[in-house]
Amino acid sequence: MKEMLKTTALFIDADNGRRSRTEADRLVLEYEQSGLRRKAFCQRHGIALHTLDYYRRQRRIGLRASSGC
């Protein structure tokens, strides 16, 4: 069984240091509901601003693809 490291309500796979798509989506939803600016949210959660931006882009692309647009 893989070891998981807990970080701000997200789990990162200890083998490759990456979040799952589900965890990245959860982080984006948490950001959207927080009312915080991107920089403040990232500082509070210990993630890089470009990481949040990447997750948001990937989520938008995924939602567009699943809706058939």
N, C-alpha and C. Protein backbone atom coordinates (compact mmCIF):
# COMPACT_ATOMS: atom_id res chain seq x y z
N MET A 1 0.83 -1.17 0.00
CA MET A 1 0.00 0.00 0.00
C MET A 1 0.89 1.24 0.00
N LYS A 2 0.54 2.23 -0.82
CA LYS A 2 1.36 3.43 -0.93
C LYS A 2 1.19 4.32 0.29
N GLU A 3 2.28 4.91 0.69
CA GLU A 3 2.25 5.86 1.79
C GLU A 3 1.72 7.20 1.26
N MET A 4 0.82 7.82 2.02
CA MET A 4 0.27 9.11 1.61
C MET A 4 0.64 10.16 2.65
N LEU A 5 0.95 11.36 2.19
CA LEU A 5 1.26 12.47 3.07
C LEU A 5 0.09 13.44 3.06
N LYS A 6 -0.39 13.82 4.23
CA LYS A 6 -1.53 14.74 4.30
C LYS A 6 -1.03 16.18 4.26
N THR A 7 -1.64 16.98 3.39
CA THR A 7 -1.34 18.41 3.33
C THR A 7 -2.62 19.18 3.08
N THR A 8 -2.99 20.00 4.00
CA THR A 8 -4.15 20.89 3.89
C THR A 8 -5.37 20.22 3.26
N ALA A 9 -5.80 19.15 3.86
CA ALA A 9 -7.00 18.43 3.42
C ALA A 9 -6.83 17.75 2.06
N LEU A 10 -5.61 17.67 1.58
CA LEU A 10 -5.32 16.97 0.32
C LEU A 10 -4.30 15.89 0.60
N PHE A 11 -4.29 14.89 -0.22
CA PHE A 11 -3.30 13.83 -0.07
C PHE A 11 -2.40 13.83 -1.29
N ILE A 12 -1.10 13.71 -1.02
CA ILE A 12 -0.11 13.65 -2.08
C ILE A 12 0.52 12.28 -2.03
N ASP A 13 0.61 11.64 -3.17
CA ASP A 13 1.23 10.32 -3.26
C ASP A 13 2.71 10.46 -2.94
N ALA A 14 3.18 9.77 -1.92
CA ALA A 14 4.58 9.87 -1.49
C ALA A 14 5.54 9.33 -2.54
N ASP A 15 5.06 8.44 -3.42
CA ASP A 15 5.94 7.87 -4.43
C ASP A 15 6.30 8.87 -5.53
N ASN A 16 5.34 9.68 -5.95
CA ASN A 16 5.64 10.59 -7.05
C ASN A 16 5.37 12.06 -6.72
N GLY A 17 4.86 12.36 -5.53
CA GLY A 17 4.67 13.74 -5.11
C GLY A 17 3.58 14.48 -5.85
N ARG A 18 2.65 13.77 -6.46
CA ARG A 18 1.59 14.41 -7.24
C ARG A 18 0.24 14.18 -6.60
N ARG A 19 -0.64 15.16 -6.81
CA ARG A 19 -2.03 15.01 -6.37
C ARG A 19 -2.81 14.29 -7.45
N SER A 20 -3.81 13.55 -7.03
CA SER A 20 -4.69 12.92 -8.00
C SER A 20 -5.58 13.98 -8.63
N ARG A 21 -6.19 13.68 -9.74
CA ARG A 21 -7.11 14.60 -10.41
C ARG A 21 -8.25 14.97 -9.46
N THR A 22 -8.74 14.00 -8.71
CA THR A 22 -9.83 14.25 -7.75
C THR A 22 -9.39 15.25 -6.70
N GLU A 23 -8.19 15.08 -6.17
CA GLU A 23 -7.70 15.99 -5.14
C GLU A 23 -7.45 17.39 -5.72
N ALA A 24 -6.95 17.47 -6.93
CA ALA A 24 -6.73 18.77 -7.57
C ALA A 24 -8.07 19.47 -7.79
N ASP A 25 -9.08 18.72 -8.23
CA ASP A 25 -10.42 19.30 -8.42
C ASP A 25 -11.00 19.79 -7.10
N ARG A 26 -10.77 19.04 -6.04
CA ARG A 26 -11.25 19.43 -4.72
C ARG A 26 -10.58 20.72 -4.27
N LEU A 27 -9.29 20.87 -4.56
CA LEU A 27 -8.56 22.08 -4.22
C LEU A 27 -9.14 23.28 -4.96
N VAL A 28 -9.44 23.10 -6.25
CA VAL A 28 -10.03 24.19 -7.05
C VAL A 28 -11.40 24.58 -6.49
N LEU A 29 -12.22 23.61 -6.16
CA LEU A 29 -13.53 23.91 -5.59
C LEU A 29 -13.40 24.65 -4.27
N GLU A 30 -12.45 24.23 -3.45
CA GLU A 30 -12.21 24.89 -2.17
C GLU A 30 -11.80 26.34 -2.40
N TYR A 31 -10.93 26.57 -3.39
CA TYR A 31 -10.52 27.93 -3.73
C TYR A 31 -11.73 28.76 -4.17
N GLU A 32 -12.52 28.22 -5.07
CA GLU A 32 -13.66 28.96 -5.61
C GLU A 32 -14.66 29.33 -4.52
N GLN A 33 -14.81 28.49 -3.52
CA GLN A 33 -15.75 28.75 -2.44
C GLN A 33 -15.16 29.61 -1.32
N SER A 34 -13.85 29.80 -1.33
CA SER A 34 -13.19 30.49 -0.23
C SER A 34 -13.40 32.00 -0.24
N GLY A 35 -13.56 32.57 -1.42
CA GLY A 35 -13.66 34.02 -1.51
C GLY A 35 -12.33 34.74 -1.39
N LEU A 36 -11.25 33.97 -1.26
CA LEU A 36 -9.91 34.55 -1.15
C LEU A 36 -9.34 34.86 -2.53
N ARG A 37 -8.40 35.78 -2.56
CA ARG A 37 -7.63 35.99 -3.79
C ARG A 37 -6.70 34.79 -3.97
N ARG A 38 -6.29 34.57 -5.22
CA ARG A 38 -5.47 33.40 -5.52
C ARG A 38 -4.21 33.35 -4.66
N LYS A 39 -3.52 34.47 -4.57
CA LYS A 39 -2.26 34.50 -3.82
C LYS A 39 -2.48 34.14 -2.34
N ALA A 40 -3.50 34.71 -1.73
CA ALA A 40 -3.79 34.43 -0.32
C ALA A 40 -4.16 32.97 -0.11
N PHE A 41 -4.98 32.42 -1.01
CA PHE A 41 -5.37 31.01 -0.91
C PHE A 41 -4.14 30.11 -1.00
N CYS A 42 -3.28 30.39 -1.96
CA CYS A 42 -2.09 29.56 -2.16
C CYS A 42 -1.14 29.65 -0.96
N GLN A 43 -0.96 30.83 -0.42
CA GLN A 43 -0.11 30.98 0.76
C GLN A 43 -0.69 30.20 1.93
N ARG A 44 -1.99 30.29 2.11
CA ARG A 44 -2.65 29.60 3.23
C ARG A 44 -2.54 28.09 3.10
N HIS A 45 -2.53 27.58 1.85
CA HIS A 45 -2.52 26.14 1.62
C HIS A 45 -1.14 25.59 1.24
N GLY A 46 -0.15 26.48 1.17
CA GLY A 46 1.21 26.04 0.91
C GLY A 46 1.43 25.48 -0.49
N ILE A 47 0.74 26.07 -1.47
CA ILE A 47 0.95 25.64 -2.86
C ILE A 47 1.40 26.83 -3.70
N ALA A 48 2.04 26.54 -4.80
CA ALA A 48 2.48 27.60 -5.70
C ALA A 48 1.29 28.15 -6.49
N LEU A 49 1.33 29.43 -6.76
CA LEU A 49 0.26 30.08 -7.52
C LEU A 49 0.08 29.42 -8.89
N HIS A 50 1.17 29.11 -9.56
CA HIS A 50 1.05 28.50 -10.88
C HIS A 50 0.44 27.10 -10.80
N THR A 51 0.59 26.43 -9.66
CA THR A 51 -0.02 25.11 -9.50
C THR A 51 -1.53 25.24 -9.45
N LEU A 52 -2.03 26.19 -8.68
CA LEU A 52 -3.48 26.43 -8.63
C LEU A 52 -4.00 26.81 -10.01
N ASP A 53 -3.29 27.69 -10.71
CA ASP A 53 -3.71 28.10 -12.05
C ASP A 53 -3.77 26.91 -13.00
N TYR A 54 -2.78 26.03 -12.90
CA TYR A 54 -2.75 24.82 -13.74
C TYR A 54 -3.96 23.94 -13.45
N TYR A 55 -4.24 23.71 -12.17
CA TYR A 55 -5.39 22.89 -11.79
C TYR A 55 -6.69 23.50 -12.29
N ARG A 56 -6.81 24.83 -12.21
CA ARG A 56 -8.03 25.50 -12.69
C ARG A 56 -8.18 25.34 -14.20
N ARG A 57 -7.08 25.49 -14.94
CA ARG A 57 -7.14 25.29 -16.40
C ARG A 57 -7.55 23.87 -16.74
N GLN A 58 -6.92 22.91 -16.08
CA GLN A 58 -7.23 21.51 -16.36
C GLN A 58 -8.69 21.19 -16.04
N ARG A 59 -9.22 21.76 -14.98
CA ARG A 59 -10.62 21.55 -14.62
C ARG A 59 -11.55 22.13 -15.68
N ARG A 60 -11.24 23.35 -16.15
CA ARG A 60 -12.06 23.97 -17.21
C ARG A 60 -12.05 23.12 -18.47
N ILE A 61 -10.88 22.64 -18.86
CA ILE A 61 -10.75 21.81 -20.06
C ILE A 61 -11.56 20.52 -19.88
N GLY A 62 -11.46 19.90 -18.71
CA GLY A 62 -12.18 18.68 -18.42
C GLY A 62 -13.68 18.88 -18.43
N LEU A 63 -14.15 19.99 -17.87
CA LEU A 63 -15.58 20.27 -17.85
C LEU A 63 -16.11 20.54 -19.26
N ARG A 64 -15.33 21.23 -20.08
CA ARG A 64 -15.74 21.49 -21.46
C ARG A 64 -15.83 20.19 -22.25
N ALA A 65 -14.84 19.33 -22.07
CA ALA A 65 -14.82 18.04 -22.79
C ALA A 65 -15.99 17.16 -22.38
N SER A 66 -16.32 17.16 -21.10
CA SER A 66 -17.40 16.29 -20.62
C SER A 66 -18.77 16.82 -21.02
N SER A 67 -18.87 18.13 -21.29
CA SER A 67 -20.16 18.69 -21.69
C SER A 67 -20.37 18.64 -23.20
N GLY A 68 -19.32 18.25 -23.92
CA GLY A 68 -19.44 18.11 -25.38
C GLY A 68 -19.26 19.40 -26.15
N CYS A 69 -18.74 20.45 -25.52
CA CYS A 69 -18.53 21.74 -26.18
C CYS A 69 -17.23 21.75 -26.96
